[in-house]
């Protein structure tokens, strides 16, 4: 079977993204049938399949080491290569060169990867790629704040993405509220392991959700995202207790967002990020043992400037934009690394900081609001 390298590399790189997302995924399944090859991978929480169309009808199935196979494919520079399958090996021929990759057996049977399929769907709708990428690139920033923190100190809800028809909500030390509209009502919790796989998709997707009964009588909720070439199915959390529990933080954040703030500061995200970066870098260079995640700054206002003063007296001035409403007497203490981490994901040049309640700052850019708690120590 002769395969065009360039097109197949795209498929190999897509499944490699899934394999690389979980260090426990060691194998890839290759199925050729009905004039198509599917590359499959799973960590048992999710199952990914990526399809490549053939011009001939070839039938075989192989399970091989993922890194050996995908590393070889992505390294091929010839225009075409050939694949042959035997009972023991998968052979890749490139010109006069050839490589044999052993098939993986479970006792005396060729290994089978468990497939996650949804039988009883209750939701079926489309989701735009823009929404998936927004969740991946924006909401994930909030989840990433937990890295380096003792897992015992992290609430289970702080590791999850709450998704409903009005948007996506994540929270840790602060919160990210990503507002958008889905076609149909839904409530579910997604793990970061699943959201990371949104990068597999380059186009809009079809989405299905539902609950299937297992053989032991338990129910299992599943979500499926798919387009013409890529299929992602995952076991998701729709536990009523967890969904009710997360409503507490959501309602609290909504109250913060609805507050009448005395300060509405419109400012350049780039200029603010650059100023904070200079403070963080200077502090780190002066004290190599300093925990940069704990660098705090007092933010005040002087005329048309936002003034950021670190704890040892270094000062940065950032010009605010026309339209700002500022009470010059207000001061707030913020975790500067936390603020910069959010700014790094901003695509909007101008952002708005709503502040004044001595509890939290609302960083607003378009339909996305980040809640940044004020520091009191």
Protein backbone atom coordinates (compact mmCIF):
# COMPACT_ATOMS: atom_id res chain seq x y z
CA UNK A 1 0.00 0.00 0.00
CA UNK A 2 1.60 3.26 -1.17
CA UNK A 3 0.84 6.40 0.85
CA UNK A 4 1.43 10.07 0.07
CA UNK A 5 3.77 11.31 2.78
CA UNK A 6 2.67 14.93 3.08
CA UNK A 7 -1.03 14.19 3.59
CA UNK A 8 -0.40 11.27 5.93
CA UNK A 9 2.01 13.34 8.02
CA UNK A 10 -0.88 15.66 8.86
CA UNK A 11 -2.81 12.67 10.20
CA UNK A 12 0.23 11.36 12.07
CA UNK A 13 0.89 14.75 13.65
CA UNK A 14 -2.73 15.01 14.78
CA UNK A 15 -2.68 11.65 16.54
CA UNK A 16 0.79 12.49 17.90
CA UNK A 17 -0.78 15.53 19.58
CA UNK A 18 -3.19 13.20 21.39
CA UNK A 19 -0.46 10.71 22.31
CA UNK A 20 1.81 13.49 23.61
CA UNK A 21 -0.99 14.86 25.79
CA UNK A 22 -0.80 11.84 28.12
CA UNK A 23 2.42 10.07 29.03
CA UNK A 24 0.45 6.88 29.75
CA UNK A 25 -0.56 6.50 26.07
CA UNK A 26 2.05 4.11 24.65
CA UNK A 27 0.39 2.50 21.65
CA UNK A 28 -1.40 3.46 18.46
CA UNK A 29 -3.87 1.28 16.57
CA UNK A 30 -3.85 1.34 12.77
CA UNK A 31 -6.96 0.09 10.97
CA UNK A 32 -7.19 -0.04 7.18
CA UNK A 33 -10.60 -0.76 5.65
CA UNK A 34 -13.18 0.76 3.31
CA UNK A 35 -10.52 2.78 1.46
CA UNK A 36 -9.35 4.57 4.60
CA UNK A 37 -6.76 4.26 7.35
CA UNK A 38 -7.66 5.23 10.91
CA UNK A 39 -5.04 5.96 13.55
CA UNK A 40 -6.48 5.42 17.03
CA UNK A 41 -5.24 6.21 20.53
CA UNK A 42 -6.81 6.16 24.00
CA UNK A 43 -6.09 6.69 27.69
CA UNK A 44 -9.46 5.08 28.58
CA UNK A 45 -10.88 8.48 29.60
CA UNK A 46 -10.77 9.61 25.97
CA UNK A 47 -10.55 7.90 22.59
CA UNK A 48 -9.22 9.64 19.46
CA UNK A 49 -9.42 8.45 15.87
CA UNK A 50 -7.99 10.30 12.87
CA UNK A 51 -8.83 9.19 9.32
CA UNK A 52 -6.79 9.23 6.10
CA UNK A 53 -8.54 8.36 2.81
CA UNK A 54 -7.02 5.80 0.42
CA UNK A 55 -7.46 5.20 -3.28
CA UNK A 56 -7.48 1.41 -2.85
CA UNK A 57 -9.34 -0.96 -0.57
CA UNK A 58 -6.83 -2.48 1.86
CA UNK A 59 -7.77 -4.40 5.00
CA UNK A 60 -5.53 -4.90 8.03
CA UNK A 61 -5.26 -3.99 11.70
CA UNK A 62 -2.10 -3.38 13.69
CA UNK A 63 -1.19 -2.10 17.15
CA UNK A 64 2.34 -0.77 17.51
CA UNK A 65 4.45 1.44 19.75
CA UNK A 66 3.18 4.97 19.17
CA UNK A 67 6.52 6.77 19.40
CA UNK A 68 8.27 4.30 17.09
CA UNK A 69 5.59 4.51 14.40
CA UNK A 70 4.76 8.22 14.59
CA UNK A 71 8.39 9.24 15.01
CA UNK A 72 9.28 7.33 11.86
CA UNK A 73 6.39 8.71 9.82
CA UNK A 74 7.04 12.33 10.78
CA UNK A 75 10.72 11.88 9.85
CA UNK A 76 10.09 10.64 6.29
CA UNK A 77 11.18 13.14 3.62
CA UNK A 78 10.35 11.10 0.48
CA UNK A 79 7.13 11.89 -1.40
CA UNK A 80 5.68 8.43 -0.75
CA UNK A 81 6.22 5.39 1.43
CA UNK A 82 4.80 1.88 1.52
CA UNK A 83 3.13 0.00 4.36
CA UNK A 84 2.90 -3.79 4.67
CA UNK A 85 1.37 -5.73 7.55
CA UNK A 86 2.17 -9.31 8.58
CA UNK A 87 1.18 -11.35 11.60
CA UNK A 88 4.24 -10.11 13.49
CA UNK A 89 5.35 -6.77 12.07
CA UNK A 90 4.29 -3.58 10.40
CA UNK A 91 6.85 -2.81 7.69
CA UNK A 92 7.44 0.76 6.45
CA UNK A 93 9.38 0.99 3.18
CA UNK A 94 10.88 4.27 2.01
CA UNK A 95 12.70 3.82 -1.28
CA UNK A 96 15.30 1.11 -0.64
CA UNK A 97 15.08 1.57 3.12
CA UNK A 98 12.74 -0.46 5.34
CA UNK A 99 11.75 -0.55 9.00
CA UNK A 100 9.96 -3.31 10.91
CA UNK A 101 7.85 -2.31 13.89
CA UNK A 102 6.70 -5.28 16.04
CA UNK A 103 2.97 -5.72 16.57
CA UNK A 104 1.81 -5.71 20.19
CA UNK A 105 -0.05 -8.75 21.47
CA UNK A 106 -2.09 -9.35 24.60
CA UNK A 107 -1.22 -12.99 25.34
CA UNK A 108 -1.80 -14.65 21.96
CA UNK A 109 -4.25 -12.08 20.60
CA UNK A 110 -3.43 -8.82 18.85
CA UNK A 111 -4.06 -6.03 21.36
CA UNK A 112 -7.39 -4.21 21.00
CA UNK A 113 -7.82 -0.60 22.08
CA UNK A 114 -11.11 0.07 23.90
CA UNK A 115 -13.37 2.36 21.87
CA UNK A 116 -15.59 4.96 23.56
CA UNK A 117 -18.87 5.29 21.69
CA UNK A 118 -22.06 7.08 22.63
CA UNK A 119 -25.27 5.09 22.15
CA UNK A 120 -27.98 7.16 23.82
CA UNK A 121 -27.42 10.76 22.78
CA UNK A 122 -29.58 13.49 24.30
CA UNK A 123 -27.79 16.49 22.76
CA UNK A 124 -26.67 16.84 19.15
CA UNK A 125 -25.42 20.21 17.86
CA UNK A 126 -22.58 22.07 16.20
CA UNK A 127 -19.85 24.00 18.04
CA UNK A 128 -17.62 26.50 16.29
CA UNK A 129 -13.87 26.05 16.32
CA UNK A 130 -13.58 29.57 17.72
CA UNK A 131 -15.38 28.46 20.89
CA UNK A 132 -13.17 25.37 21.29
CA UNK A 133 -10.01 27.44 20.84
CA UNK A 134 -11.28 30.08 23.26
CA UNK A 135 -11.83 27.44 25.96
CA UNK A 136 -8.42 25.92 25.21
CA UNK A 137 -6.48 29.18 25.16
CA UNK A 138 -8.35 31.27 27.73
CA UNK A 139 -10.10 29.09 30.32
CA UNK A 140 -7.09 26.79 30.50
CA UNK A 141 -4.96 29.67 31.80
CA UNK A 142 -6.98 29.64 35.01
CA UNK A 143 -6.52 25.88 35.44
CA UNK A 144 -2.77 26.20 34.81
CA UNK A 145 -2.41 28.33 37.94
CA UNK A 146 -2.67 25.13 40.01
CA UNK A 147 0.61 23.77 38.62
CA UNK A 148 3.21 23.53 41.35
CA UNK A 149 0.59 23.64 44.12
CA UNK A 150 0.26 20.70 46.48
CA UNK A 151 -2.59 18.61 44.94
CA UNK A 152 -4.00 18.07 48.44
CA UNK A 153 -4.69 21.80 48.65
CA UNK A 154 -6.62 21.94 45.36
CA UNK A 155 -10.36 21.39 45.35
CA UNK A 156 -11.50 18.91 42.70
CA UNK A 157 -13.68 21.58 41.11
CA UNK A 158 -10.60 23.76 40.56
CA UNK A 159 -9.34 21.18 38.09
CA UNK A 160 -12.50 21.17 35.94
CA UNK A 161 -14.12 23.23 33.18
CA UNK A 162 -17.83 23.88 33.70
CA UNK A 163 -19.57 24.10 30.33
CA UNK A 164 -23.16 25.09 29.69
CA UNK A 165 -25.14 26.78 26.92
CA UNK A 166 -24.01 30.23 28.10
CA UNK A 167 -20.27 29.67 28.21
CA UNK A 168 -17.38 28.10 30.09
CA UNK A 169 -16.33 28.77 33.69
CA UNK A 170 -13.03 27.89 35.40
CA UNK A 171 -11.78 28.99 38.81
CA UNK A 172 -8.71 28.58 41.02
CA UNK A 173 -7.22 31.57 42.87
CA UNK A 174 -9.45 33.71 40.65
CA UNK A 175 -11.88 32.84 37.90
CA UNK A 176 -12.37 33.00 34.14
CA UNK A 177 -15.88 33.51 32.73
CA UNK A 178 -15.94 32.90 28.97
CA UNK A 179 -19.37 33.90 27.64
CA UNK A 180 -20.73 32.40 24.42
CA UNK A 181 -23.94 30.77 23.22
CA UNK A 182 -24.43 27.13 22.31
CA UNK A 183 -27.38 25.90 20.26
CA UNK A 184 -28.85 23.69 23.00
CA UNK A 185 -28.86 23.58 26.81
CA UNK A 186 -26.19 21.44 28.46
CA UNK A 187 -24.36 21.12 31.78
CA UNK A 188 -21.16 19.13 32.11
CA UNK A 189 -17.68 19.17 33.62
CA UNK A 190 -14.61 18.56 31.46
CA UNK A 191 -11.14 17.63 32.66
CA UNK A 192 -8.04 19.44 31.45
CA UNK A 193 -6.94 16.19 29.77
CA UNK A 194 -9.97 16.42 27.47
CA UNK A 195 -9.81 20.17 26.81
CA UNK A 196 -6.15 19.88 25.77
CA UNK A 197 -7.32 17.71 22.88
CA UNK A 198 -9.40 20.54 21.39
CA UNK A 199 -6.20 21.45 19.54
CA UNK A 200 -6.83 18.39 17.33
CA UNK A 201 -9.55 20.32 15.51
CA UNK A 202 -8.94 22.97 12.86
CA UNK A 203 -12.59 23.37 11.82
CA UNK A 204 -16.03 23.53 13.42
CA UNK A 205 -17.18 20.29 15.03
CA UNK A 206 -20.32 18.30 15.60
CA UNK A 207 -21.00 17.64 19.28
CA UNK A 208 -23.01 14.87 20.93
CA UNK A 209 -23.69 14.21 24.57
CA UNK A 210 -25.60 11.52 26.44
CA UNK A 211 -25.57 8.82 29.10
CA UNK A 212 -25.17 5.08 28.55
CA UNK A 213 -25.86 2.26 30.99
CA UNK A 214 -22.91 0.01 31.82
CA UNK A 215 -23.14 -3.75 32.35
CA UNK A 216 -22.86 -3.28 36.13
CA UNK A 217 -25.90 -1.00 36.15
CA UNK A 218 -24.00 2.26 36.59
CA UNK A 219 -24.53 5.17 34.21
CA UNK A 220 -21.70 6.79 32.25
CA UNK A 221 -21.90 10.22 30.61
CA UNK A 222 -20.01 10.75 27.36
CA UNK A 223 -19.23 13.68 25.08
CA UNK A 224 -18.23 13.33 21.43
CA UNK A 225 -16.57 15.98 19.24
CA UNK A 226 -16.01 15.12 15.59
CA UNK A 227 -15.57 16.41 12.04
CA UNK A 228 -14.86 14.70 8.71
CA UNK A 229 -11.43 13.40 9.75
CA UNK A 230 -11.13 13.51 13.55
CA UNK A 231 -13.21 11.83 16.26
CA UNK A 232 -12.80 12.56 19.98
CA UNK A 233 -15.00 10.74 22.48
CA UNK A 234 -14.61 11.15 26.22
CA UNK A 235 -16.09 10.03 29.50
CA UNK A 236 -17.20 13.21 31.27
CA UNK A 237 -18.41 14.24 34.68
CA UNK A 238 -22.09 15.14 34.91
CA UNK A 239 -22.52 14.19 38.57
CA UNK A 240 -25.45 16.12 40.04
CA UNK A 241 -23.63 16.69 43.33
CA UNK A 242 -20.60 18.20 41.58
CA UNK A 243 -22.78 20.30 39.27
CA UNK A 244 -24.72 21.68 42.24
CA UNK A 245 -21.52 22.30 44.18
CA UNK A 246 -19.96 24.40 41.42
CA UNK A 247 -23.02 26.67 41.31
CA UNK A 248 -21.80 28.27 44.55
CA UNK A 249 -18.58 29.72 43.05
CA UNK A 250 -20.42 30.58 39.82
CA UNK A 251 -23.11 32.57 41.65
CA UNK A 252 -20.47 34.37 43.74
CA UNK A 253 -18.52 35.36 40.63
CA UNK A 254 -21.71 36.59 38.97
CA UNK A 255 -22.31 38.83 42.00
CA UNK A 256 -18.79 40.28 41.62
CA UNK A 257 -19.35 40.88 37.90
CA UNK A 258 -22.65 42.67 38.60
CA UNK A 259 -21.15 45.06 41.20
CA UNK A 260 -21.23 48.80 40.46
CA UNK A 261 -17.51 49.60 40.33
CA UNK A 262 -16.35 53.18 40.91
CA UNK A 263 -13.32 52.66 38.65
CA UNK A 264 -13.46 51.71 34.99
CA UNK A 265 -9.88 51.70 33.76
CA UNK A 266 -9.32 51.21 30.02
CA UNK A 267 -5.70 50.39 29.33
CA UNK A 268 -3.36 48.75 26.81
CA UNK A 269 -2.88 45.05 27.58
CA UNK A 270 0.55 45.15 25.92
CA UNK A 271 1.80 48.17 27.85
CA UNK A 272 0.49 46.84 31.15
CA UNK A 273 2.01 43.40 30.51
CA UNK A 274 5.38 44.93 29.59
CA UNK A 275 5.42 47.07 32.74
CA UNK A 276 4.59 44.11 34.98
CA UNK A 277 7.17 41.95 33.22
CA UNK A 278 9.89 44.52 33.95
CA UNK A 279 8.99 44.49 37.64
CA UNK A 280 8.91 40.70 37.82
CA UNK A 281 12.19 40.33 35.93
CA UNK A 282 13.93 42.98 38.05
CA UNK A 283 12.76 41.39 41.31
CA UNK A 284 13.82 37.92 40.15
CA UNK A 285 17.27 39.12 39.05
CA UNK A 286 17.80 40.88 42.38
CA UNK A 287 16.74 37.86 44.42
CA UNK A 288 17.31 34.45 42.80
CA UNK A 289 15.45 32.69 45.62
CA UNK A 290 12.34 34.82 45.18
CA UNK A 291 9.10 33.00 44.36
CA UNK A 292 7.97 34.99 41.31
CA UNK A 293 4.43 33.69 41.76
CA UNK A 294 4.19 35.77 44.94
CA UNK A 295 5.39 39.14 43.61
CA UNK A 296 2.73 41.66 44.57
CA UNK A 297 2.21 45.27 43.56
CA UNK A 298 0.19 48.20 44.87
CA UNK A 299 -1.83 49.68 41.99
CA UNK A 300 -2.91 53.31 42.35
CA UNK A 301 -3.91 56.08 39.96
CA UNK A 302 -2.30 59.44 39.32
CA UNK A 303 -3.90 61.65 36.70
CA UNK A 304 -4.15 59.57 33.53
CA UNK A 305 -1.67 56.94 34.76
CA UNK A 306 -1.99 53.61 36.49
CA UNK A 307 0.91 53.41 38.95
CA UNK A 308 2.31 50.00 39.93
CA UNK A 309 4.65 49.91 42.93
CA UNK A 310 6.29 46.67 44.02
CA UNK A 311 7.00 45.78 47.64
CA UNK A 312 10.53 47.24 47.58
CA UNK A 313 9.50 50.56 46.04
CA UNK A 314 10.14 50.16 42.30
CA UNK A 315 7.53 52.03 40.25
CA UNK A 316 6.00 51.66 36.76
CA UNK A 317 3.59 54.16 35.15
CA UNK A 318 1.16 52.97 32.47
CA UNK A 319 -1.01 55.47 30.58
CA UNK A 320 -4.75 54.80 30.69
CA UNK A 321 -6.97 55.27 27.64
CA UNK A 322 -9.63 57.84 26.89
CA UNK A 323 -12.99 56.86 28.40
CA UNK A 324 -11.57 55.67 31.72
CA UNK A 325 -13.43 56.58 34.91
CA UNK A 326 -10.94 56.80 37.77
CA UNK A 327 -11.18 57.59 41.48
CA UNK A 328 -7.67 58.75 42.27
CA UNK A 329 -7.97 57.70 45.91
CA UNK A 330 -8.40 54.00 45.22
CA UNK A 331 -5.52 51.56 45.79
CA UNK A 332 -5.44 47.82 45.32
CA UNK A 333 -2.83 45.14 45.92
CA UNK A 334 -2.57 42.46 43.23
CA UNK A 335 -0.50 39.37 42.54
CA UNK A 336 1.47 40.67 39.55
CA UNK A 337 2.39 37.26 38.18
CA UNK A 338 -1.28 36.27 38.26
CA UNK A 339 -2.21 39.43 36.35
CA UNK A 340 0.53 38.99 33.75
CA UNK A 341 -0.40 35.34 33.23
CA UNK A 342 -3.88 36.50 32.23
CA UNK A 343 -2.58 39.34 30.06
CA UNK A 344 -0.41 36.89 28.12
CA UNK A 345 -3.59 35.24 26.76
CA UNK A 346 -5.20 38.54 25.74
CA UNK A 347 -5.78 39.04 22.03
CA UNK A 348 -7.48 42.39 22.65
CA UNK A 349 -5.14 45.37 22.73
CA UNK A 350 -7.44 47.40 24.99
CA UNK A 351 -8.78 45.84 28.19
CA UNK A 352 -10.96 47.21 30.96
CA UNK A 353 -10.22 46.87 34.67
CA UNK A 354 -13.32 47.30 36.83
CA UNK A 355 -12.35 47.79 40.47
CA UNK A 356 -13.41 49.49 43.66
CA UNK A 357 -15.08 46.94 45.94
CA UNK A 358 -11.89 45.97 47.84
CA UNK A 359 -12.50 42.33 46.95
CA UNK A 360 -11.75 41.58 43.30
CA UNK A 361 -10.80 43.23 40.03
CA UNK A 362 -12.73 42.39 36.88
CA UNK A 363 -10.47 42.25 33.83
CA UNK A 364 -12.82 42.46 30.84
CA UNK A 365 -11.94 41.89 27.18
CA UNK A 366 -14.87 41.26 24.86
CA UNK A 367 -16.95 38.34 26.13
CA UNK A 368 -14.26 37.18 28.55
CA UNK A 369 -14.03 38.31 32.17
CA UNK A 370 -11.21 37.35 34.51
CA UNK A 371 -11.78 37.77 38.22
CA UNK A 372 -8.55 38.70 40.00
CA UNK A 373 -8.71 38.74 43.82
CA UNK A 374 -7.16 41.67 45.64
CA UNK A 375 -4.36 40.69 48.04
CA UNK A 376 -4.52 41.62 51.71
CA UNK A 377 -1.13 40.37 52.96
